[in-house]
N, C-alpha and C. Protein backbone atom coordinates (compact mmCIF):
# COMPACT_ATOMS: atom_id res chain seq x y z
N MET A 1 7.22 21.57 31.37
CA MET A 1 6.90 21.16 30.02
C MET A 1 5.52 21.71 29.65
N ARG A 2 5.43 22.23 28.45
CA ARG A 2 4.16 22.77 27.96
C ARG A 2 3.20 21.64 27.65
N GLU A 3 1.96 21.82 28.06
CA GLU A 3 0.93 20.83 27.77
C GLU A 3 0.15 21.25 26.54
N LEU A 4 -0.17 20.28 25.69
CA LEU A 4 -0.87 20.53 24.44
C LEU A 4 -2.24 19.88 24.48
N SER A 5 -3.21 20.53 23.86
CA SER A 5 -4.55 19.95 23.78
C SER A 5 -4.56 18.88 22.69
N VAL A 6 -5.61 18.09 22.67
CA VAL A 6 -5.76 17.05 21.66
C VAL A 6 -5.72 17.66 20.26
N GLY A 7 -6.44 18.76 20.08
CA GLY A 7 -6.48 19.42 18.78
C GLY A 7 -5.11 19.92 18.34
N GLU A 8 -4.34 20.50 19.29
CA GLU A 8 -3.00 20.98 18.96
C GLU A 8 -2.10 19.82 18.53
N VAL A 9 -2.15 18.74 19.27
CA VAL A 9 -1.31 17.58 18.94
C VAL A 9 -1.71 17.02 17.58
N ALA A 10 -3.01 16.88 17.35
CA ALA A 10 -3.49 16.33 16.07
C ALA A 10 -3.01 17.21 14.91
N ARG A 11 -3.14 18.51 15.05
CA ARG A 11 -2.75 19.43 13.99
C ARG A 11 -1.24 19.38 13.76
N ARG A 12 -0.46 19.45 14.83
CA ARG A 12 1.00 19.49 14.69
C ARG A 12 1.57 18.15 14.23
N ALA A 13 0.93 17.06 14.62
CA ALA A 13 1.43 15.73 14.23
C ALA A 13 0.87 15.27 12.90
N GLY A 14 -0.18 15.94 12.42
CA GLY A 14 -0.77 15.56 11.14
C GLY A 14 -1.59 14.29 11.21
N VAL A 15 -2.23 14.07 12.34
CA VAL A 15 -3.09 12.89 12.51
C VAL A 15 -4.47 13.34 12.98
N ALA A 16 -5.43 12.47 12.83
CA ALA A 16 -6.78 12.75 13.32
C ALA A 16 -6.82 12.60 14.84
N VAL A 17 -7.73 13.30 15.45
CA VAL A 17 -7.94 13.17 16.90
C VAL A 17 -8.25 11.73 17.24
N SER A 18 -9.02 11.06 16.39
CA SER A 18 -9.36 9.65 16.64
C SER A 18 -8.10 8.78 16.66
N ALA A 19 -7.09 9.14 15.87
CA ALA A 19 -5.83 8.39 15.88
C ALA A 19 -5.13 8.55 17.23
N LEU A 20 -5.17 9.74 17.79
CA LEU A 20 -4.57 9.96 19.11
C LEU A 20 -5.26 9.11 20.16
N HIS A 21 -6.57 9.08 20.11
CA HIS A 21 -7.32 8.26 21.06
C HIS A 21 -6.97 6.79 20.88
N PHE A 22 -6.85 6.35 19.63
CA PHE A 22 -6.49 4.97 19.33
C PHE A 22 -5.09 4.65 19.87
N TYR A 23 -4.12 5.53 19.60
CA TYR A 23 -2.76 5.32 20.10
C TYR A 23 -2.75 5.24 21.62
N GLU A 24 -3.57 6.06 22.24
CA GLU A 24 -3.61 6.05 23.70
C GLU A 24 -4.21 4.75 24.22
N ARG A 25 -5.29 4.30 23.58
CA ARG A 25 -5.90 3.02 23.99
C ARG A 25 -4.92 1.86 23.84
N LYS A 26 -4.06 1.93 22.85
CA LYS A 26 -3.07 0.88 22.59
C LYS A 26 -1.84 1.01 23.48
N GLY A 27 -1.77 2.06 24.29
CA GLY A 27 -0.63 2.24 25.19
C GLY A 27 0.61 2.81 24.52
N LEU A 28 0.43 3.43 23.35
CA LEU A 28 1.55 4.00 22.61
C LEU A 28 1.91 5.40 23.10
N ILE A 29 0.91 6.14 23.52
CA ILE A 29 1.11 7.49 24.07
C ILE A 29 0.26 7.62 25.33
N HIS A 30 0.56 8.64 26.09
CA HIS A 30 -0.17 8.87 27.35
C HIS A 30 -0.56 10.33 27.46
N SER A 31 -1.67 10.57 28.13
CA SER A 31 -2.12 11.94 28.36
C SER A 31 -2.41 12.12 29.84
N LEU A 32 -2.53 13.37 30.19
CA LEU A 32 -2.99 13.75 31.53
C LEU A 32 -4.40 14.28 31.36
N ARG A 33 -5.15 14.38 32.42
CA ARG A 33 -6.50 14.94 32.37
C ARG A 33 -6.56 16.21 33.20
N THR A 34 -7.26 17.19 32.65
CA THR A 34 -7.47 18.43 33.38
C THR A 34 -8.60 18.21 34.38
N ALA A 35 -8.86 19.22 35.19
CA ALA A 35 -9.97 19.15 36.14
C ALA A 35 -11.29 18.98 35.39
N GLY A 36 -11.37 19.48 34.17
CA GLY A 36 -12.57 19.34 33.34
C GLY A 36 -12.56 18.06 32.51
N ASN A 37 -11.63 17.13 32.81
CA ASN A 37 -11.51 15.83 32.16
C ASN A 37 -11.10 15.92 30.68
N GLN A 38 -10.38 16.98 30.33
CA GLN A 38 -9.86 17.10 28.96
C GLN A 38 -8.44 16.55 28.91
N ARG A 39 -8.12 15.89 27.80
CA ARG A 39 -6.78 15.34 27.63
C ARG A 39 -5.78 16.47 27.39
N ARG A 40 -4.59 16.29 27.97
CA ARG A 40 -3.46 17.17 27.73
C ARG A 40 -2.24 16.28 27.53
N TYR A 41 -1.43 16.65 26.56
CA TYR A 41 -0.24 15.87 26.23
C TYR A 41 1.00 16.72 26.43
N GLY A 42 2.08 16.07 26.85
CA GLY A 42 3.37 16.74 26.89
C GLY A 42 3.90 16.86 25.47
N SER A 43 4.79 17.81 25.25
CA SER A 43 5.30 18.03 23.89
C SER A 43 6.12 16.85 23.38
N ASP A 44 6.61 15.98 24.28
CA ASP A 44 7.36 14.80 23.84
C ASP A 44 6.50 13.85 23.01
N VAL A 45 5.19 13.97 23.14
CA VAL A 45 4.29 13.07 22.41
C VAL A 45 4.39 13.29 20.90
N LEU A 46 4.78 14.48 20.47
CA LEU A 46 4.89 14.76 19.04
C LEU A 46 5.96 13.88 18.38
N ARG A 47 7.10 13.74 19.02
CA ARG A 47 8.15 12.89 18.47
C ARG A 47 7.74 11.42 18.56
N ARG A 48 7.07 11.04 19.63
CA ARG A 48 6.60 9.66 19.76
C ARG A 48 5.62 9.32 18.63
N ILE A 49 4.75 10.25 18.32
CA ILE A 49 3.81 10.01 17.21
C ILE A 49 4.56 9.90 15.89
N ALA A 50 5.59 10.70 15.71
CA ALA A 50 6.40 10.61 14.49
C ALA A 50 7.03 9.22 14.39
N VAL A 51 7.53 8.70 15.49
CA VAL A 51 8.12 7.35 15.51
C VAL A 51 7.05 6.31 15.17
N ILE A 52 5.88 6.45 15.76
CA ILE A 52 4.77 5.52 15.50
C ILE A 52 4.42 5.52 14.01
N ARG A 53 4.30 6.69 13.44
CA ARG A 53 3.89 6.79 12.03
C ARG A 53 4.94 6.21 11.08
N VAL A 54 6.21 6.45 11.36
CA VAL A 54 7.27 5.87 10.54
C VAL A 54 7.25 4.35 10.67
N ALA A 55 7.11 3.86 11.89
CA ALA A 55 7.07 2.41 12.10
C ALA A 55 5.88 1.79 11.38
N GLN A 56 4.73 2.45 11.43
CA GLN A 56 3.55 1.94 10.73
C GLN A 56 3.79 1.88 9.22
N ARG A 57 4.43 2.92 8.69
CA ARG A 57 4.69 2.97 7.24
C ARG A 57 5.55 1.82 6.76
N VAL A 58 6.46 1.36 7.59
CA VAL A 58 7.33 0.25 7.18
C VAL A 58 6.79 -1.10 7.65
N GLY A 59 5.60 -1.08 8.25
CA GLY A 59 4.94 -2.34 8.58
C GLY A 59 5.27 -2.93 9.93
N ILE A 60 5.82 -2.15 10.84
CA ILE A 60 6.11 -2.66 12.18
C ILE A 60 4.78 -2.77 12.93
N PRO A 61 4.47 -3.93 13.49
CA PRO A 61 3.21 -4.07 14.23
C PRO A 61 3.16 -3.10 15.42
N LEU A 62 1.98 -2.59 15.70
CA LEU A 62 1.83 -1.62 16.79
C LEU A 62 2.26 -2.18 18.14
N GLU A 63 2.09 -3.47 18.36
CA GLU A 63 2.53 -4.06 19.63
C GLU A 63 4.05 -3.97 19.76
N ALA A 64 4.77 -4.17 18.67
CA ALA A 64 6.23 -4.03 18.70
C ALA A 64 6.61 -2.58 18.95
N VAL A 65 5.86 -1.65 18.39
CA VAL A 65 6.10 -0.23 18.61
C VAL A 65 5.85 0.10 20.08
N ARG A 66 4.75 -0.40 20.63
CA ARG A 66 4.43 -0.15 22.04
C ARG A 66 5.54 -0.67 22.95
N GLN A 67 6.01 -1.89 22.68
CA GLN A 67 7.07 -2.47 23.50
C GLN A 67 8.35 -1.64 23.41
N ALA A 68 8.67 -1.18 22.21
CA ALA A 68 9.88 -0.38 22.03
C ALA A 68 9.76 0.97 22.73
N LEU A 69 8.62 1.63 22.58
CA LEU A 69 8.43 2.93 23.23
C LEU A 69 8.42 2.80 24.75
N ALA A 70 8.00 1.65 25.25
CA ALA A 70 7.97 1.43 26.71
C ALA A 70 9.37 1.41 27.30
N THR A 71 10.40 1.23 26.47
CA THR A 71 11.77 1.23 26.97
C THR A 71 12.31 2.65 27.17
N LEU A 72 11.59 3.64 26.66
CA LEU A 72 12.03 5.02 26.78
C LEU A 72 11.46 5.66 28.03
N PRO A 73 12.19 6.60 28.63
CA PRO A 73 11.67 7.29 29.80
C PRO A 73 10.45 8.14 29.44
N ASP A 74 9.45 8.13 30.31
CA ASP A 74 8.26 8.96 30.10
C ASP A 74 8.63 10.43 30.21
N GLY A 75 7.93 11.25 29.43
CA GLY A 75 8.08 12.69 29.55
C GLY A 75 9.32 13.25 28.89
N ARG A 76 10.10 12.42 28.21
CA ARG A 76 11.29 12.91 27.53
C ARG A 76 11.14 12.68 26.03
N THR A 77 11.46 13.68 25.26
CA THR A 77 11.39 13.56 23.80
C THR A 77 12.41 12.53 23.35
N PRO A 78 11.99 11.53 22.56
CA PRO A 78 12.96 10.55 22.06
C PRO A 78 14.05 11.23 21.23
N SER A 79 15.28 10.81 21.45
CA SER A 79 16.43 11.41 20.78
C SER A 79 16.85 10.59 19.56
N ARG A 80 17.87 11.07 18.86
CA ARG A 80 18.43 10.31 17.74
C ARG A 80 18.95 8.96 18.23
N GLU A 81 19.57 8.96 19.38
CA GLU A 81 20.09 7.72 19.95
C GLU A 81 18.95 6.75 20.27
N ASP A 82 17.87 7.29 20.79
CA ASP A 82 16.69 6.45 21.05
C ASP A 82 16.18 5.83 19.76
N TRP A 83 16.09 6.66 18.69
CA TRP A 83 15.60 6.16 17.41
C TRP A 83 16.54 5.06 16.89
N ALA A 84 17.84 5.26 17.03
CA ALA A 84 18.80 4.25 16.57
C ALA A 84 18.57 2.92 17.30
N GLY A 85 18.32 3.01 18.58
CA GLY A 85 18.05 1.79 19.36
C GLY A 85 16.74 1.13 18.96
N LEU A 86 15.70 1.95 18.76
CA LEU A 86 14.40 1.40 18.37
C LEU A 86 14.49 0.74 17.00
N SER A 87 15.11 1.44 16.06
CA SER A 87 15.17 0.91 14.70
C SER A 87 16.03 -0.35 14.62
N ALA A 88 17.06 -0.43 15.45
CA ALA A 88 17.89 -1.64 15.47
C ALA A 88 17.08 -2.85 15.91
N ARG A 89 16.13 -2.63 16.80
CA ARG A 89 15.27 -3.74 17.27
C ARG A 89 14.44 -4.30 16.13
N TRP A 90 14.10 -3.47 15.17
CA TRP A 90 13.20 -3.87 14.09
C TRP A 90 13.96 -4.31 12.83
N ARG A 91 15.25 -4.13 12.79
CA ARG A 91 16.03 -4.37 11.57
C ARG A 91 15.89 -5.81 11.06
N GLN A 92 16.06 -6.81 11.90
CA GLN A 92 16.01 -8.20 11.44
C GLN A 92 14.63 -8.53 10.87
N ASP A 93 13.59 -8.08 11.54
CA ASP A 93 12.24 -8.31 11.03
C ASP A 93 12.07 -7.68 9.65
N LEU A 94 12.55 -6.46 9.49
CA LEU A 94 12.46 -5.79 8.20
C LEU A 94 13.28 -6.52 7.14
N ASP A 95 14.48 -6.96 7.50
CA ASP A 95 15.31 -7.72 6.56
C ASP A 95 14.61 -9.00 6.12
N ASP A 96 13.96 -9.69 7.06
CA ASP A 96 13.23 -10.92 6.74
C ASP A 96 12.08 -10.62 5.79
N ARG A 97 11.35 -9.55 6.05
CA ARG A 97 10.23 -9.20 5.17
C ARG A 97 10.69 -8.78 3.78
N ILE A 98 11.80 -8.06 3.72
CA ILE A 98 12.36 -7.69 2.42
C ILE A 98 12.71 -8.94 1.63
N SER A 99 13.31 -9.90 2.29
CA SER A 99 13.67 -11.16 1.63
C SER A 99 12.42 -11.89 1.12
N GLN A 100 11.39 -11.94 1.95
CA GLN A 100 10.14 -12.59 1.55
C GLN A 100 9.50 -11.88 0.36
N LEU A 101 9.48 -10.56 0.40
CA LEU A 101 8.88 -9.80 -0.70
C LEU A 101 9.70 -9.93 -1.98
N THR A 102 11.02 -9.96 -1.86
CA THR A 102 11.85 -10.16 -3.04
C THR A 102 11.58 -11.52 -3.64
N ASN A 103 11.48 -12.54 -2.80
CA ASN A 103 11.17 -13.89 -3.26
C ASN A 103 9.81 -13.91 -3.96
N LEU A 104 8.82 -13.27 -3.37
CA LEU A 104 7.50 -13.21 -3.97
C LEU A 104 7.55 -12.53 -5.33
N ARG A 105 8.21 -11.38 -5.39
CA ARG A 105 8.32 -10.65 -6.65
C ARG A 105 8.99 -11.50 -7.73
N ASP A 106 10.07 -12.20 -7.37
CA ASP A 106 10.83 -12.97 -8.33
C ASP A 106 10.12 -14.24 -8.78
N ARG A 107 9.23 -14.77 -7.96
CA ARG A 107 8.58 -16.04 -8.29
C ARG A 107 7.12 -15.88 -8.70
N LEU A 108 6.60 -14.68 -8.59
CA LEU A 108 5.18 -14.46 -8.86
C LEU A 108 4.81 -14.84 -10.29
N GLY A 109 5.71 -14.63 -11.23
CA GLY A 109 5.44 -14.99 -12.62
C GLY A 109 5.21 -16.47 -12.83
N ASP A 110 5.73 -17.32 -11.92
CA ASP A 110 5.54 -18.77 -12.02
C ASP A 110 4.19 -19.21 -11.47
N CYS A 111 3.51 -18.33 -10.77
CA CYS A 111 2.23 -18.69 -10.16
C CYS A 111 1.16 -18.77 -11.25
N ILE A 112 0.47 -19.89 -11.30
CA ILE A 112 -0.55 -20.06 -12.34
C ILE A 112 -1.90 -19.57 -11.87
N GLY A 113 -2.03 -19.28 -10.58
CA GLY A 113 -3.26 -18.68 -10.07
C GLY A 113 -4.48 -19.57 -10.12
N CYS A 114 -4.29 -20.89 -10.09
CA CYS A 114 -5.45 -21.78 -10.22
C CYS A 114 -6.17 -22.00 -8.90
N GLY A 115 -5.53 -21.71 -7.80
CA GLY A 115 -6.16 -21.94 -6.50
C GLY A 115 -5.97 -23.33 -5.97
N CYS A 116 -5.30 -24.19 -6.70
CA CYS A 116 -5.15 -25.59 -6.30
C CYS A 116 -4.31 -25.71 -5.02
N LEU A 117 -3.20 -25.07 -4.99
CA LEU A 117 -2.27 -25.06 -3.86
C LEU A 117 -1.77 -26.43 -3.45
N SER A 118 -2.04 -27.47 -4.25
CA SER A 118 -1.45 -28.76 -3.93
C SER A 118 -0.60 -29.26 -5.09
N ILE A 119 -0.23 -28.36 -5.98
CA ILE A 119 0.64 -28.75 -7.08
C ILE A 119 2.07 -28.36 -6.73
N SER A 120 3.01 -29.15 -7.15
CA SER A 120 4.40 -28.89 -6.78
C SER A 120 4.95 -27.64 -7.42
N ALA A 121 4.31 -27.15 -8.49
CA ALA A 121 4.81 -25.97 -9.18
C ALA A 121 4.58 -24.67 -8.41
N CYS A 122 3.76 -24.69 -7.40
CA CYS A 122 3.47 -23.46 -6.67
C CYS A 122 4.47 -23.29 -5.53
N ALA A 123 5.60 -22.67 -5.85
CA ALA A 123 6.65 -22.49 -4.85
C ALA A 123 6.32 -21.40 -3.84
N LEU A 124 5.31 -20.59 -4.12
CA LEU A 124 4.95 -19.51 -3.20
C LEU A 124 4.04 -19.99 -2.08
N ALA A 125 2.92 -20.60 -2.46
CA ALA A 125 1.93 -20.99 -1.46
C ALA A 125 2.13 -22.41 -0.97
N ASN A 126 2.88 -23.24 -1.71
CA ASN A 126 3.03 -24.63 -1.35
C ASN A 126 4.45 -25.10 -1.65
N PRO A 127 5.45 -24.53 -0.97
CA PRO A 127 6.83 -24.92 -1.26
C PRO A 127 7.03 -26.41 -1.00
N GLY A 128 7.70 -27.07 -1.95
CA GLY A 128 7.99 -28.50 -1.79
C GLY A 128 6.76 -29.37 -1.87
N ASP A 129 5.65 -28.86 -2.38
CA ASP A 129 4.39 -29.60 -2.50
C ASP A 129 3.96 -30.20 -1.16
N ALA A 130 4.08 -29.42 -0.09
CA ALA A 130 3.73 -29.89 1.25
C ALA A 130 2.28 -30.32 1.36
N LEU A 131 1.39 -29.76 0.54
CA LEU A 131 -0.03 -30.11 0.63
C LEU A 131 -0.42 -31.26 -0.29
N GLY A 132 0.52 -31.72 -1.13
CA GLY A 132 0.21 -32.78 -2.09
C GLY A 132 -0.24 -34.07 -1.44
N SER A 133 0.25 -34.35 -0.25
CA SER A 133 -0.12 -35.60 0.44
C SER A 133 -1.59 -35.62 0.86
N GLU A 134 -2.24 -34.45 0.86
CA GLU A 134 -3.65 -34.36 1.24
C GLU A 134 -4.59 -34.58 0.06
N GLY A 135 -4.03 -34.84 -1.12
CA GLY A 135 -4.85 -35.06 -2.30
C GLY A 135 -4.97 -33.81 -3.13
N GLY A 136 -5.67 -33.94 -4.28
CA GLY A 136 -5.83 -32.82 -5.19
C GLY A 136 -6.84 -31.82 -4.71
N GLY A 137 -6.84 -30.64 -5.34
CA GLY A 137 -7.83 -29.61 -5.04
C GLY A 137 -7.35 -28.62 -4.00
N PRO A 138 -8.13 -27.58 -3.80
CA PRO A 138 -7.74 -26.51 -2.88
C PRO A 138 -7.67 -26.99 -1.44
N ARG A 139 -6.71 -26.43 -0.71
CA ARG A 139 -6.53 -26.76 0.70
C ARG A 139 -6.62 -25.55 1.61
N ARG A 140 -6.32 -24.37 1.09
CA ARG A 140 -6.25 -23.17 1.95
C ARG A 140 -7.28 -22.12 1.61
N TRP A 141 -7.96 -22.25 0.57
CA TRP A 141 -8.89 -21.20 0.17
C TRP A 141 -10.14 -21.27 1.01
N GLY A 142 -10.55 -20.15 1.56
CA GLY A 142 -11.78 -20.07 2.32
C GLY A 142 -12.93 -19.67 1.41
N GLY A 143 -14.08 -20.18 1.67
CA GLY A 143 -15.25 -19.83 0.86
C GLY A 143 -15.89 -18.56 1.35
N PRO A 144 -16.86 -18.06 0.61
CA PRO A 144 -17.57 -16.84 1.00
C PRO A 144 -18.40 -17.04 2.25
């Protein structure tokens, strides 16, 4: 397998070198070191970075990405079948978030934006007036 320098990987993957270092610190990708202590990556890292970037774009937490990538064999470029398996792991979470965002979009017009959060009318931040028993006024807002 051809080894790529940090600069080559960054250029081909369209990410900053600092992103590669970050991904490596998080255990998402791995490198080898030369005798001169320079990082070298296998070409399979390019597809792994593509998977990471797509997952980030749709809001998959990096820890979930790390866990999913850990199920793949090292040194092998992830295949279409691998991607199908990885994406299936994230489907329910994505469906849940889509539902939450749809609910937010549909109910946002009812939000009066007063910050009270203990009124029964705020179905977004206080469904069922759960905070009403604590009395009037803000309950969740943090100060400066």
